[in-house]
Protein backbone atom coordinates (compact mmCIF):
# COMPACT_ATOMS: atom_id res chain seq x y z
CA UNK A 1 23.14 18.33 15.67
CA UNK A 2 26.38 19.43 17.33
CA UNK A 3 29.11 16.81 17.80
CA UNK A 4 27.96 14.51 14.97
CA UNK A 5 30.74 12.04 15.80
CA UNK A 6 28.92 11.23 19.05
CA UNK A 7 25.56 10.47 17.45
CA UNK A 8 27.37 8.45 14.78
CA UNK A 9 27.86 5.71 17.37
CA UNK A 10 24.10 5.45 17.79
CA UNK A 11 23.36 5.48 14.05
CA UNK A 12 25.86 2.72 13.35
CA UNK A 13 24.31 0.34 15.87
CA UNK A 14 22.88 -2.79 14.31
CA UNK A 15 19.36 -2.04 15.54
CA UNK A 16 19.41 1.38 13.88
CA UNK A 17 20.62 -0.09 10.59
CA UNK A 18 17.86 -2.71 10.73
CA UNK A 19 15.33 0.06 11.33
CA UNK A 20 16.65 1.78 8.20
CA UNK A 21 16.25 -1.46 6.25
CA UNK A 22 12.61 -1.75 7.34
CA UNK A 23 11.85 1.85 6.41
CA UNK A 24 13.50 1.39 3.02
CA UNK A 25 11.37 -1.69 2.33
CA UNK A 26 8.20 0.21 3.31
CA UNK A 27 9.15 3.15 1.08
CA UNK A 28 10.00 0.79 -1.78
CA UNK A 29 6.64 -0.98 -1.51
CA UNK A 30 4.76 2.32 -1.53
CA UNK A 31 6.66 3.63 -4.57
CA UNK A 32 6.26 0.41 -6.55
CA UNK A 33 2.51 0.46 -5.93
CA UNK A 34 2.50 3.89 -7.57
CA UNK A 35 4.39 2.66 -10.63
CA UNK A 36 7.71 4.17 -9.49
CA UNK A 37 9.92 1.09 -9.62
CA UNK A 38 13.54 2.12 -10.22
CA UNK A 39 12.71 5.78 -9.53
CA UNK A 40 15.29 8.51 -8.91
CA UNK A 41 15.13 9.45 -5.24
CA UNK A 42 16.52 12.29 -3.15
CA UNK A 43 17.13 11.55 0.54
CA UNK A 44 17.51 14.88 2.37
CA UNK A 45 19.27 14.57 5.72
CA UNK A 46 20.50 11.13 4.67
CA UNK A 47 22.98 10.67 7.51
CA UNK A 48 25.14 7.60 6.93
CA UNK A 49 22.79 6.25 4.26
CA UNK A 50 20.87 3.86 6.51
CA UNK A 51 17.76 4.28 4.29
CA UNK A 52 19.37 5.36 1.01
CA UNK A 53 21.70 2.34 0.74
CA UNK A 54 19.01 -0.34 1.20
CA UNK A 55 16.82 1.57 -1.27
CA UNK A 56 19.65 1.34 -3.78
CA UNK A 57 19.86 -2.40 -3.16
CA UNK A 58 16.12 -2.54 -3.90
CA UNK A 59 16.71 -1.09 -7.37
CA UNK A 60 16.36 2.66 -6.90
CA UNK A 61 18.81 5.36 -7.88
CA UNK A 62 19.43 7.52 -4.80
CA UNK A 63 21.11 10.86 -4.16
CA UNK A 64 21.69 11.62 -0.48
CA UNK A 65 22.29 15.08 0.97
CA UNK A 66 23.59 15.77 4.46
CA UNK A 67 25.10 18.77 6.21
CA UNK A 68 27.71 16.63 8.00
CA UNK A 69 30.85 15.79 6.00
CA UNK A 70 31.51 12.95 8.44
CA UNK A 71 28.16 11.33 7.67
CA UNK A 72 28.56 11.82 3.93
CA UNK A 73 31.97 10.13 4.03
CA UNK A 74 30.56 7.23 6.05
CA UNK A 75 27.67 6.86 3.60
CA UNK A 76 30.03 6.70 0.62
CA UNK A 77 32.20 4.10 2.36
CA UNK A 78 29.15 1.97 3.19
CA UNK A 79 27.78 2.25 -0.36
CA UNK A 80 31.13 1.06 -1.75
CA UNK A 81 31.31 -1.78 0.75
CA UNK A 82 27.76 -2.91 0.02
CA UNK A 83 28.13 -2.79 -3.76
CA UNK A 84 25.76 0.11 -4.55
CA UNK A 85 28.26 2.91 -5.23
CA UNK A 86 27.12 3.16 -8.86
CA UNK A 87 23.46 3.68 -7.95
CA UNK A 88 24.08 6.14 -5.10
CA UNK A 89 25.63 9.56 -4.76
CA UNK A 90 26.18 11.31 -1.45
CA UNK A 91 26.74 15.05 -1.29
CA UNK A 92 27.52 17.48 1.50
CA UNK A 93 25.09 20.39 1.69
CA UNK A 94 22.51 22.34 3.67
CA UNK A 95 18.83 21.60 3.04
CA UNK A 96 18.23 25.37 3.00
CA UNK A 97 20.29 25.65 -0.20
CA UNK A 98 19.63 22.23 -1.72
CA UNK A 99 18.73 23.63 -5.15
CA UNK A 100 22.23 25.06 -5.48
CA UNK A 101 23.83 21.72 -4.56
CA UNK A 102 21.44 19.39 -6.37
CA UNK A 103 20.11 21.33 -9.34
CA UNK A 104 22.23 19.42 -11.87
CA UNK A 105 20.94 16.10 -10.49
CA UNK A 106 17.25 16.98 -10.78
CA UNK A 107 14.46 16.31 -11.45
CA UNK A 108 13.75 13.59 -8.91
CA UNK A 109 10.76 11.27 -8.84
CA UNK A 110 10.48 11.43 -5.07
CA UNK A 111 12.04 13.29 -2.16
CA UNK A 112 12.45 11.73 1.30
CA UNK A 113 12.60 13.47 4.66
CA UNK A 114 13.21 10.65 7.16
CA UNK A 115 13.20 10.67 10.98
CA UNK A 116 12.91 14.38 11.86
CA UNK A 117 16.11 15.03 9.94
CA UNK A 118 15.10 18.11 7.95
CA UNK A 119 12.16 20.22 9.14
CA UNK A 120 11.90 22.15 12.38
CA UNK A 121 15.49 23.10 13.13
CA UNK A 122 15.00 26.75 12.23
CA UNK A 123 11.71 28.67 11.90
CA UNK A 124 8.51 28.11 9.95
CA UNK A 125 9.50 30.38 7.06
CA UNK A 126 12.75 28.45 6.66
CA UNK A 127 10.83 25.17 6.62
CA UNK A 128 8.56 26.65 3.95
CA UNK A 129 11.61 27.52 1.85
CA UNK A 130 13.03 24.00 2.31
CA UNK A 131 9.73 22.54 1.08
CA UNK A 132 9.71 24.94 -1.89
CA UNK A 133 13.23 23.93 -2.85
CA UNK A 134 12.31 20.26 -2.59
CA UNK A 135 9.39 20.98 -4.93
CA UNK A 136 11.68 22.69 -7.45
CA UNK A 137 13.84 19.57 -7.54
CA UNK A 138 10.90 17.21 -8.10
CA UNK A 139 9.07 16.48 -11.34
CA UNK A 140 5.37 17.29 -11.54
CA UNK A 141 3.45 14.33 -10.13
CA UNK A 142 6.45 13.25 -8.07
CA UNK A 143 6.20 12.57 -4.36
CA UNK A 144 7.38 13.97 -1.06
CA UNK A 145 7.55 11.36 1.71
CA UNK A 146 7.91 12.67 5.26
CA UNK A 147 8.64 9.43 7.10
CA UNK A 148 8.85 8.37 10.74
CA UNK A 149 8.94 11.93 12.06
CA UNK A 150 7.91 13.52 15.34
CA UNK A 151 4.23 14.37 15.64
CA UNK A 152 3.05 17.33 17.71
CA UNK A 153 -0.52 15.98 17.72
CA UNK A 154 0.48 13.17 20.04
CA UNK A 155 -1.82 13.67 23.02
CA UNK A 156 0.85 12.61 25.49
CA UNK A 157 3.66 14.42 23.70
CA UNK A 158 4.15 17.26 26.17
CA UNK A 159 4.03 14.92 29.16
CA UNK A 160 6.53 12.59 27.51
CA UNK A 161 9.13 15.34 27.15
CA UNK A 162 8.69 17.46 30.28
CA UNK A 163 11.60 17.06 32.66
CA UNK A 164 12.17 13.42 31.83
CA UNK A 165 15.52 11.65 31.54
CA UNK A 166 16.02 8.42 29.59
CA UNK A 167 19.00 6.10 29.99
CA UNK A 168 20.01 3.94 27.02
CA UNK A 169 22.61 1.23 27.46
CA UNK A 170 24.37 0.27 24.21
CA UNK A 171 26.84 -2.13 25.79
CA UNK A 172 30.16 -0.40 25.22
CA UNK A 173 28.66 3.05 25.77
CA UNK A 174 25.56 4.66 27.26
CA UNK A 175 23.48 7.77 26.59
CA UNK A 176 21.39 9.89 28.94
CA UNK A 177 18.70 11.82 27.07
CA UNK A 178 17.10 14.88 28.70
CA UNK A 179 14.28 16.69 26.90
CA UNK A 180 12.02 19.67 27.48
CA UNK A 181 8.92 20.60 25.51
CA UNK A 182 7.90 24.25 25.03
CA UNK A 183 4.14 24.19 24.24
CA UNK A 184 4.06 27.91 23.35
CA UNK A 185 6.46 27.36 20.46
CA UNK A 186 5.93 23.62 19.85
CA UNK A 187 9.64 23.01 20.20
CA UNK A 188 11.56 20.15 21.81
CA UNK A 189 15.00 20.82 23.27
CA UNK A 190 17.04 17.68 23.83
CA UNK A 191 20.48 17.08 25.31
CA UNK A 192 22.28 13.74 24.89
CA UNK A 193 25.15 12.99 27.29
CA UNK A 194 27.49 10.19 26.18
CA UNK A 195 29.49 7.87 28.43
CA UNK A 196 32.05 5.17 27.66
CA UNK A 197 31.67 1.96 29.65
CA UNK A 198 34.80 1.08 31.63
CA UNK A 199 34.02 -2.16 33.44
CA UNK A 200 31.23 -1.30 35.85
CA UNK A 201 31.92 2.44 35.57
CA UNK A 202 30.84 5.07 33.04
CA UNK A 203 33.30 7.70 31.80
CA UNK A 204 31.93 11.00 30.48
CA UNK A 205 32.69 11.53 26.76
CA UNK A 206 30.69 14.57 25.67
CA UNK A 207 27.34 16.16 24.98
CA UNK A 208 25.24 16.85 21.91
CA UNK A 209 21.77 18.23 21.42
CA UNK A 210 19.13 19.71 19.20
CA UNK A 211 16.20 22.12 19.32
CA UNK A 212 13.41 21.22 16.88
CA UNK A 213 9.93 22.52 16.05
CA UNK A 214 7.37 19.72 15.81
CA UNK A 215 4.29 20.00 13.60
CA UNK A 216 0.76 18.73 13.88
CA UNK A 217 -0.48 17.06 10.69
CA UNK A 218 -2.75 19.96 9.75
CA UNK A 219 0.14 22.42 10.20
CA UNK A 220 2.44 20.34 8.03
CA UNK A 221 -0.25 19.98 5.33
CA UNK A 222 -0.85 23.75 5.26
CA UNK A 223 2.87 24.48 5.02
CA UNK A 224 3.48 21.92 2.28
CA UNK A 225 0.52 23.14 0.23
CA UNK A 226 1.96 26.67 0.28
CA UNK A 227 5.15 25.16 -1.18
CA UNK A 228 3.44 23.42 -4.11
CA UNK A 229 2.65 20.02 -2.62
CA UNK A 230 -0.78 18.36 -2.45
CA UNK A 231 -1.52 16.14 0.52
CA UNK A 232 -2.35 12.53 -0.37
CA UNK A 233 -2.49 10.46 2.80
CA UNK A 234 -0.92 9.88 6.20
CA UNK A 235 -0.08 6.77 8.19
CA UNK A 236 0.80 6.03 11.75
CA UNK A 237 3.01 3.15 10.63
CA UNK A 238 4.32 3.15 7.07
CA UNK A 239 5.25 -0.55 7.13
CA UNK A 240 1.78 -1.68 8.19
CA UNK A 241 -0.06 1.21 6.48
CA UNK A 242 -2.08 1.76 9.61
CA UNK A 243 -4.36 4.78 9.50
CA UNK A 244 -2.90 7.94 10.97
CA UNK A 245 -4.00 8.76 14.48
CA UNK A 246 -2.69 11.52 16.75
CA UNK A 247 -0.53 9.00 18.62
CA UNK A 248 2.99 7.98 17.67
CA UNK A 249 5.08 8.98 14.64
CA UNK A 250 3.85 10.77 11.53
CA UNK A 251 4.23 9.48 7.96
CA UNK A 252 2.80 11.84 5.34
CA UNK A 253 2.69 11.55 1.54
CA UNK A 254 2.43 14.58 -0.77
CA UNK A 255 2.30 14.99 -4.55
CA UNK A 256 4.09 17.70 -6.52
CA UNK A 257 1.54 19.93 -8.31
């Protein structure tokens, strides 16, 4: 995403940090059920560590990778402040070359892709290579968790993103989100416009955006299997373990083979 300092204000909101805590607890529960208590985890696209840091507090050893030096710095500061600096490591790097950055830290027991942070920003062959590199960094029998990500199967997905603007009021600032969905390419283009609140007025601050390919479950399974992952199961809600349906977010679990 361009202008990462703008989106940082959203990620550091209390509600976003609480969401990260809930996801970390759900991931922890799933891993412990599979005998992976205290596992070594890789969080790709870790941002400011909103999932990695609570996972460290839950007893896991976590390496986070993010392309933004600003987010990596924030994650390290938060880890130090929250007393988990020794069980976390945050590194700057591109997911497309993660083996080069993370090879000395591997193998991992599980790799996390959380919240549409990794796949879809380039083309399908690039996503395939990202999945292959994640596999190279993971021990045989380890897991890939694609968590809380956009789902192209959603029957109302196209309607939700066609020519619609959303206004989010965060108190001291506000964001207008405008999105378009291209059904021929299964891509969502989104622009976020940020405003500072000045009394009853809003002052323009800047714009940021992204263009991401969204996958149906069967497309994601086919791509991951080409990269050396075996599909295990999918959920609509990872916290509740509700059965996957083509409505809402996608949570998919794969095993390294």
